[in-house]
N, C-alpha and C. Protein backbone atom coordinates (compact mmCIF):
# COMPACT_ATOMS: atom_id res chain seq x y z
N UNK A 1 0.84 -1.19 0.00
CA UNK A 1 0.00 0.00 0.00
C UNK A 1 0.88 1.25 0.00
N UNK A 2 0.61 2.20 -0.85
CA UNK A 2 1.49 3.34 -1.00
C UNK A 2 1.41 4.37 0.13
N UNK A 3 0.51 4.22 1.09
CA UNK A 3 0.33 5.27 2.09
C UNK A 3 -0.54 6.37 1.51
N UNK A 4 -0.48 7.52 2.14
CA UNK A 4 -1.34 8.62 1.66
C UNK A 4 -0.53 9.62 0.84
N UNK A 5 0.05 9.17 -0.23
CA UNK A 5 0.72 10.08 -1.14
C UNK A 5 -0.35 10.90 -1.83
N UNK A 6 -0.01 12.16 -2.14
CA UNK A 6 -0.95 13.07 -2.78
C UNK A 6 -0.73 13.10 -4.28
N UNK A 7 -1.81 12.95 -5.03
CA UNK A 7 -1.75 13.04 -6.49
C UNK A 7 -2.71 14.12 -6.94
N UNK A 8 -2.20 15.01 -7.77
CA UNK A 8 -3.00 16.07 -8.37
C UNK A 8 -3.39 15.64 -9.78
N UNK A 9 -4.68 15.65 -10.06
CA UNK A 9 -5.19 15.32 -11.39
C UNK A 9 -5.63 16.62 -12.04
N UNK A 10 -5.02 16.96 -13.18
CA UNK A 10 -5.42 18.15 -13.95
C UNK A 10 -6.06 17.63 -15.23
N UNK A 11 -7.38 17.65 -15.24
CA UNK A 11 -8.14 16.99 -16.32
C UNK A 11 -9.50 17.67 -16.46
N UNK A 12 -9.90 18.00 -17.69
CA UNK A 12 -11.20 18.64 -17.88
C UNK A 12 -12.29 17.69 -18.38
N UNK A 13 -11.93 16.46 -18.73
CA UNK A 13 -12.93 15.49 -19.18
C UNK A 13 -13.53 14.79 -17.96
N UNK A 14 -14.86 14.96 -17.73
CA UNK A 14 -15.47 14.40 -16.52
C UNK A 14 -15.28 12.89 -16.35
N UNK A 15 -15.40 12.12 -17.43
CA UNK A 15 -15.30 10.66 -17.28
C UNK A 15 -13.86 10.25 -16.98
N UNK A 16 -12.89 10.88 -17.60
CA UNK A 16 -11.48 10.57 -17.33
C UNK A 16 -11.11 10.96 -15.90
N UNK A 17 -11.61 12.13 -15.47
CA UNK A 17 -11.38 12.59 -14.09
C UNK A 17 -11.91 11.57 -13.09
N UNK A 18 -13.15 11.13 -13.31
CA UNK A 18 -13.81 10.19 -12.40
C UNK A 18 -13.07 8.85 -12.37
N UNK A 19 -12.65 8.37 -13.54
CA UNK A 19 -11.96 7.10 -13.63
C UNK A 19 -10.62 7.15 -12.89
N UNK A 20 -9.81 8.17 -13.18
CA UNK A 20 -8.51 8.30 -12.51
C UNK A 20 -8.69 8.41 -11.00
N UNK A 21 -9.62 9.25 -10.57
CA UNK A 21 -9.87 9.47 -9.14
C UNK A 21 -10.25 8.15 -8.47
N UNK A 22 -11.18 7.41 -9.07
CA UNK A 22 -11.62 6.15 -8.49
C UNK A 22 -10.50 5.13 -8.37
N UNK A 23 -9.74 4.96 -9.44
CA UNK A 23 -8.65 3.99 -9.43
C UNK A 23 -7.59 4.35 -8.38
N UNK A 24 -7.24 5.62 -8.32
CA UNK A 24 -6.17 6.04 -7.41
C UNK A 24 -6.62 6.07 -5.95
N UNK A 25 -7.86 6.46 -5.71
CA UNK A 25 -8.36 6.44 -4.33
C UNK A 25 -8.42 5.00 -3.81
N UNK A 26 -8.88 4.08 -4.64
CA UNK A 26 -8.93 2.67 -4.23
C UNK A 26 -7.53 2.14 -3.91
N UNK A 27 -6.52 2.69 -4.56
CA UNK A 27 -5.14 2.26 -4.32
C UNK A 27 -4.54 2.96 -3.10
N UNK A 28 -5.29 3.86 -2.46
CA UNK A 28 -4.82 4.47 -1.22
C UNK A 28 -4.23 5.85 -1.34
N UNK A 29 -4.39 6.49 -2.47
CA UNK A 29 -3.84 7.84 -2.66
C UNK A 29 -4.84 8.91 -2.27
N UNK A 30 -4.30 10.04 -1.80
CA UNK A 30 -5.11 11.24 -1.56
C UNK A 30 -5.16 12.01 -2.88
N UNK A 31 -6.36 12.34 -3.35
CA UNK A 31 -6.53 12.93 -4.67
C UNK A 31 -7.02 14.37 -4.58
N UNK A 32 -6.39 15.21 -5.40
CA UNK A 32 -6.83 16.59 -5.61
C UNK A 32 -7.13 16.70 -7.10
N UNK A 33 -8.19 17.42 -7.46
CA UNK A 33 -8.56 17.52 -8.87
C UNK A 33 -8.84 18.98 -9.24
N UNK A 34 -8.39 19.33 -10.43
CA UNK A 34 -8.75 20.62 -11.01
C UNK A 34 -8.89 20.42 -12.51
N UNK A 35 -9.64 21.31 -13.17
CA UNK A 35 -9.87 21.09 -14.60
C UNK A 35 -9.21 22.11 -15.51
N UNK A 36 -8.27 22.91 -14.97
CA UNK A 36 -7.52 23.81 -15.85
C UNK A 36 -6.05 23.83 -15.44
N UNK A 37 -5.20 24.11 -16.40
CA UNK A 37 -3.76 24.17 -16.12
C UNK A 37 -3.44 25.27 -15.12
N UNK A 38 -4.08 26.42 -15.28
CA UNK A 38 -3.81 27.55 -14.40
C UNK A 38 -4.13 27.19 -12.95
N UNK A 39 -5.31 26.59 -12.71
CA UNK A 39 -5.68 26.18 -11.36
C UNK A 39 -4.77 25.07 -10.85
N UNK A 40 -4.37 24.18 -11.75
CA UNK A 40 -3.47 23.08 -11.38
C UNK A 40 -2.11 23.58 -10.93
N UNK A 41 -1.58 24.56 -11.63
CA UNK A 41 -0.28 25.14 -11.27
C UNK A 41 -0.37 25.76 -9.87
N UNK A 42 -1.44 26.53 -9.63
CA UNK A 42 -1.61 27.16 -8.32
C UNK A 42 -1.74 26.12 -7.22
N UNK A 43 -2.51 25.07 -7.47
CA UNK A 43 -2.70 24.01 -6.47
C UNK A 43 -1.40 23.25 -6.23
N UNK A 44 -0.64 23.00 -7.28
CA UNK A 44 0.64 22.29 -7.14
C UNK A 44 1.60 23.10 -6.28
N UNK A 45 1.64 24.41 -6.48
CA UNK A 45 2.54 25.25 -5.69
C UNK A 45 2.11 25.33 -4.23
N UNK A 46 0.80 25.26 -4.01
CA UNK A 46 0.28 25.34 -2.64
C UNK A 46 0.40 24.01 -1.90
N UNK A 47 0.00 22.91 -2.54
CA UNK A 47 -0.11 21.60 -1.86
C UNK A 47 1.09 20.68 -2.06
N UNK A 48 1.94 20.96 -3.06
CA UNK A 48 3.11 20.14 -3.36
C UNK A 48 2.80 18.64 -3.41
N UNK A 49 2.02 18.23 -4.41
CA UNK A 49 1.67 16.81 -4.53
C UNK A 49 2.90 15.96 -4.83
N UNK A 50 2.77 14.66 -4.59
CA UNK A 50 3.85 13.72 -4.87
C UNK A 50 3.95 13.41 -6.36
N UNK A 51 2.83 13.62 -7.09
CA UNK A 51 2.79 13.33 -8.53
C UNK A 51 1.61 14.10 -9.13
N UNK A 52 1.75 14.45 -10.40
CA UNK A 52 0.68 15.13 -11.14
C UNK A 52 0.36 14.32 -12.38
N UNK A 53 -0.94 14.05 -12.61
CA UNK A 53 -1.37 13.55 -13.92
C UNK A 53 -2.06 14.72 -14.60
N UNK A 54 -1.78 14.90 -15.88
CA UNK A 54 -2.29 16.08 -16.58
C UNK A 54 -2.64 15.74 -18.02
N UNK A 55 -3.79 16.22 -18.44
CA UNK A 55 -4.17 16.10 -19.85
C UNK A 55 -3.33 17.10 -20.63
N UNK A 56 -3.10 16.83 -21.89
CA UNK A 56 -2.38 17.77 -22.75
C UNK A 56 -3.33 18.85 -23.26
N UNK A 57 -4.51 18.43 -23.69
CA UNK A 57 -5.51 19.36 -24.23
C UNK A 57 -6.39 19.87 -23.10
N UNK A 58 -6.09 21.06 -22.62
CA UNK A 58 -6.86 21.67 -21.54
C UNK A 58 -7.41 23.00 -22.02
N UNK A 59 -8.51 23.46 -21.42
CA UNK A 59 -9.02 24.78 -21.81
C UNK A 59 -8.01 25.86 -21.40
N UNK A 60 -7.84 26.87 -22.21
CA UNK A 60 -6.85 27.91 -21.90
C UNK A 60 -5.45 27.40 -22.20
N UNK A 61 -4.63 27.34 -21.19
CA UNK A 61 -3.24 26.91 -21.32
C UNK A 61 -3.17 25.40 -21.56
N UNK A 62 -2.31 24.98 -22.49
CA UNK A 62 -2.17 23.53 -22.72
C UNK A 62 -1.19 22.91 -21.70
N UNK A 63 -1.17 21.61 -21.67
CA UNK A 63 -0.35 20.89 -20.71
C UNK A 63 1.13 21.13 -20.84
N UNK A 64 1.61 21.33 -22.05
CA UNK A 64 3.05 21.53 -22.23
C UNK A 64 3.50 22.86 -21.62
N UNK A 65 2.73 23.90 -21.80
CA UNK A 65 3.08 25.19 -21.19
C UNK A 65 3.01 25.08 -19.66
N UNK A 66 1.99 24.39 -19.16
CA UNK A 66 1.88 24.18 -17.72
C UNK A 66 3.10 23.42 -17.19
N UNK A 67 3.52 22.40 -17.92
CA UNK A 67 4.71 21.64 -17.55
C UNK A 67 5.92 22.55 -17.45
N UNK A 68 6.12 23.41 -18.44
CA UNK A 68 7.28 24.32 -18.43
C UNK A 68 7.24 25.25 -17.23
N UNK A 69 6.05 25.74 -16.88
CA UNK A 69 5.91 26.63 -15.72
C UNK A 69 6.23 25.87 -14.43
N UNK A 70 5.72 24.65 -14.31
CA UNK A 70 6.00 23.84 -13.12
C UNK A 70 7.48 23.50 -13.01
N UNK A 71 8.12 23.19 -14.12
CA UNK A 71 9.55 22.85 -14.12
C UNK A 71 10.43 24.07 -13.81
N UNK A 72 9.93 25.26 -14.09
CA UNK A 72 10.72 26.48 -13.85
C UNK A 72 10.64 26.95 -12.40
N UNK A 73 9.70 26.41 -11.63
CA UNK A 73 9.51 26.84 -10.25
C UNK A 73 10.29 25.90 -9.32
N UNK A 74 11.07 26.48 -8.44
CA UNK A 74 11.90 25.69 -7.52
C UNK A 74 11.07 24.71 -6.68
N UNK A 75 9.87 25.10 -6.28
CA UNK A 75 9.04 24.25 -5.42
C UNK A 75 8.47 23.06 -6.16
N UNK A 76 8.20 23.21 -7.45
CA UNK A 76 7.48 22.15 -8.19
C UNK A 76 8.33 21.46 -9.26
N UNK A 77 9.57 21.87 -9.41
CA UNK A 77 10.37 21.36 -10.55
C UNK A 77 10.63 19.87 -10.50
N UNK A 78 10.61 19.27 -9.32
CA UNK A 78 10.92 17.83 -9.22
C UNK A 78 9.70 16.94 -9.04
N UNK A 79 8.50 17.53 -9.11
CA UNK A 79 7.29 16.71 -9.00
C UNK A 79 7.13 15.90 -10.30
N UNK A 80 7.03 14.58 -10.20
CA UNK A 80 6.83 13.79 -11.42
C UNK A 80 5.49 14.14 -12.07
N UNK A 81 5.51 14.24 -13.40
CA UNK A 81 4.30 14.57 -14.16
C UNK A 81 4.08 13.49 -15.20
N UNK A 82 2.84 13.02 -15.26
CA UNK A 82 2.43 12.03 -16.27
C UNK A 82 1.35 12.68 -17.12
N UNK A 83 1.57 12.71 -18.42
CA UNK A 83 0.53 13.18 -19.33
C UNK A 83 -0.42 12.01 -19.61
N UNK A 84 -1.71 12.25 -19.37
CA UNK A 84 -2.75 11.26 -19.68
C UNK A 84 -3.59 11.91 -20.77
N UNK A 85 -3.38 11.46 -22.00
CA UNK A 85 -3.97 12.19 -23.12
C UNK A 85 -4.29 11.27 -24.29
N UNK A 86 -5.29 11.66 -25.04
CA UNK A 86 -5.65 10.91 -26.25
C UNK A 86 -4.90 11.46 -27.46
N UNK A 87 -4.50 12.71 -27.37
CA UNK A 87 -3.91 13.38 -28.54
C UNK A 87 -2.43 13.62 -28.34
N UNK A 88 -1.64 12.64 -28.69
CA UNK A 88 -0.19 12.82 -28.60
C UNK A 88 0.47 12.14 -29.80
N UNK A 89 1.32 12.90 -30.47
CA UNK A 89 2.04 12.40 -31.64
C UNK A 89 3.45 11.97 -31.20
N UNK A 90 4.14 11.25 -32.05
CA UNK A 90 5.47 10.75 -31.71
C UNK A 90 6.43 11.88 -31.34
N UNK A 91 6.40 13.00 -32.08
CA UNK A 91 7.32 14.10 -31.76
C UNK A 91 7.00 14.71 -30.39
N UNK A 92 5.71 14.74 -30.04
CA UNK A 92 5.33 15.24 -28.71
C UNK A 92 5.83 14.29 -27.63
N UNK A 93 5.71 12.97 -27.85
CA UNK A 93 6.21 11.99 -26.87
C UNK A 93 7.69 12.21 -26.62
N UNK A 94 8.45 12.49 -27.67
CA UNK A 94 9.88 12.73 -27.53
C UNK A 94 10.14 14.01 -26.73
N UNK A 95 9.35 15.05 -27.01
CA UNK A 95 9.49 16.31 -26.25
C UNK A 95 9.19 16.07 -24.78
N UNK A 96 8.10 15.35 -24.49
CA UNK A 96 7.75 15.09 -23.10
C UNK A 96 8.84 14.27 -22.41
N UNK A 97 9.41 13.33 -23.13
CA UNK A 97 10.50 12.51 -22.57
C UNK A 97 11.69 13.40 -22.19
N UNK A 98 11.93 14.45 -22.96
CA UNK A 98 13.03 15.36 -22.64
C UNK A 98 12.79 16.11 -21.34
N UNK A 99 11.53 16.20 -20.92
CA UNK A 99 11.18 16.79 -19.62
C UNK A 99 11.04 15.70 -18.55
N UNK A 100 11.39 14.48 -18.89
CA UNK A 100 11.28 13.33 -17.98
C UNK A 100 9.83 13.08 -17.58
N UNK A 101 8.94 13.13 -18.56
CA UNK A 101 7.51 12.88 -18.33
C UNK A 101 7.08 11.61 -19.04
N UNK A 102 6.30 10.84 -18.35
CA UNK A 102 5.70 9.65 -18.95
C UNK A 102 4.40 10.06 -19.64
N UNK A 103 4.03 9.32 -20.68
CA UNK A 103 2.76 9.56 -21.37
C UNK A 103 1.92 8.29 -21.28
N UNK A 104 0.70 8.44 -20.80
CA UNK A 104 -0.28 7.35 -20.79
C UNK A 104 -1.39 7.77 -21.74
N UNK A 105 -1.66 6.93 -22.72
CA UNK A 105 -2.68 7.30 -23.70
C UNK A 105 -4.07 6.87 -23.25
N UNK A 106 -5.03 7.70 -23.63
CA UNK A 106 -6.44 7.38 -23.39
C UNK A 106 -6.94 6.54 -24.55
N UNK A 107 -7.88 5.66 -24.34
CA UNK A 107 -8.49 5.36 -23.06
C UNK A 107 -7.51 4.67 -22.12
N UNK A 108 -7.62 4.98 -20.83
CA UNK A 108 -6.74 4.42 -19.81
C UNK A 108 -6.98 2.92 -19.70
N UNK A 109 -5.88 2.17 -19.62
CA UNK A 109 -5.97 0.73 -19.36
C UNK A 109 -6.08 0.56 -17.84
N UNK A 110 -7.27 0.30 -17.37
CA UNK A 110 -7.52 0.24 -15.93
C UNK A 110 -6.74 -0.88 -15.25
N UNK A 111 -6.31 -1.88 -15.99
CA UNK A 111 -5.58 -2.99 -15.41
C UNK A 111 -4.16 -2.60 -15.00
N UNK A 112 -3.58 -1.58 -15.65
CA UNK A 112 -2.18 -1.22 -15.37
C UNK A 112 -1.99 0.24 -14.96
N UNK A 113 -3.05 1.03 -14.93
CA UNK A 113 -2.92 2.46 -14.65
C UNK A 113 -2.24 2.73 -13.30
N UNK A 114 -2.73 2.11 -12.23
CA UNK A 114 -2.16 2.34 -10.90
C UNK A 114 -0.70 1.87 -10.87
N UNK A 115 -0.42 0.76 -11.51
CA UNK A 115 0.95 0.25 -11.57
C UNK A 115 1.87 1.26 -12.26
N UNK A 116 1.40 1.87 -13.35
CA UNK A 116 2.21 2.88 -14.04
C UNK A 116 2.47 4.09 -13.15
N UNK A 117 1.46 4.50 -12.39
CA UNK A 117 1.62 5.61 -11.45
C UNK A 117 2.67 5.25 -10.40
N UNK A 118 2.56 4.05 -9.85
CA UNK A 118 3.49 3.63 -8.80
C UNK A 118 4.91 3.50 -9.31
N UNK A 119 5.08 3.07 -10.56
CA UNK A 119 6.43 2.98 -11.14
C UNK A 119 7.08 4.37 -11.20
N UNK A 120 6.30 5.38 -11.60
CA UNK A 120 6.83 6.74 -11.68
C UNK A 120 7.14 7.26 -10.27
N UNK A 121 6.25 7.02 -9.32
CA UNK A 121 6.51 7.45 -7.94
C UNK A 121 7.76 6.78 -7.38
N UNK A 122 7.90 5.49 -7.60
CA UNK A 122 9.09 4.77 -7.11
C UNK A 122 10.37 5.27 -7.75
N UNK A 123 10.32 5.55 -9.05
CA UNK A 123 11.50 6.06 -9.76
C UNK A 123 11.89 7.44 -9.24
N UNK A 124 10.90 8.24 -8.83
CA UNK A 124 11.21 9.60 -8.36
C UNK A 124 11.86 9.59 -6.99
N UNK A 125 11.70 8.49 -6.25
CA UNK A 125 12.33 8.37 -4.93
C UNK A 125 13.78 7.95 -5.01
N UNK A 126 14.17 7.35 -6.14
CA UNK A 126 15.53 6.81 -6.27
C UNK A 126 16.55 7.90 -6.53
């Protein structure tokens, strides 16, 4: 059991938000949710989650710009970020990898989603 690690979900799709929240809460994580990059950045700076899952296509600011802002801030630069998105091309995957971000494509595979989250959390502790 992972304990009460905090995960911030930045996602504007209601069904994806609900699915991620349910899977991660059942696995023992404390979940915070917001549906815009701007609100997610503010929440990340305030609450300092252990990990962030973020959609790439968000209203207003996109996920990549949010990632750059989080990486530029001393408080949030080392928080692992996983993009959970349906719209990602190979060149974008390479760019995200350069920021040390994992990409999980939608629809989420519920059989391995929590395991993928835990792998990233474990890697960030090493």
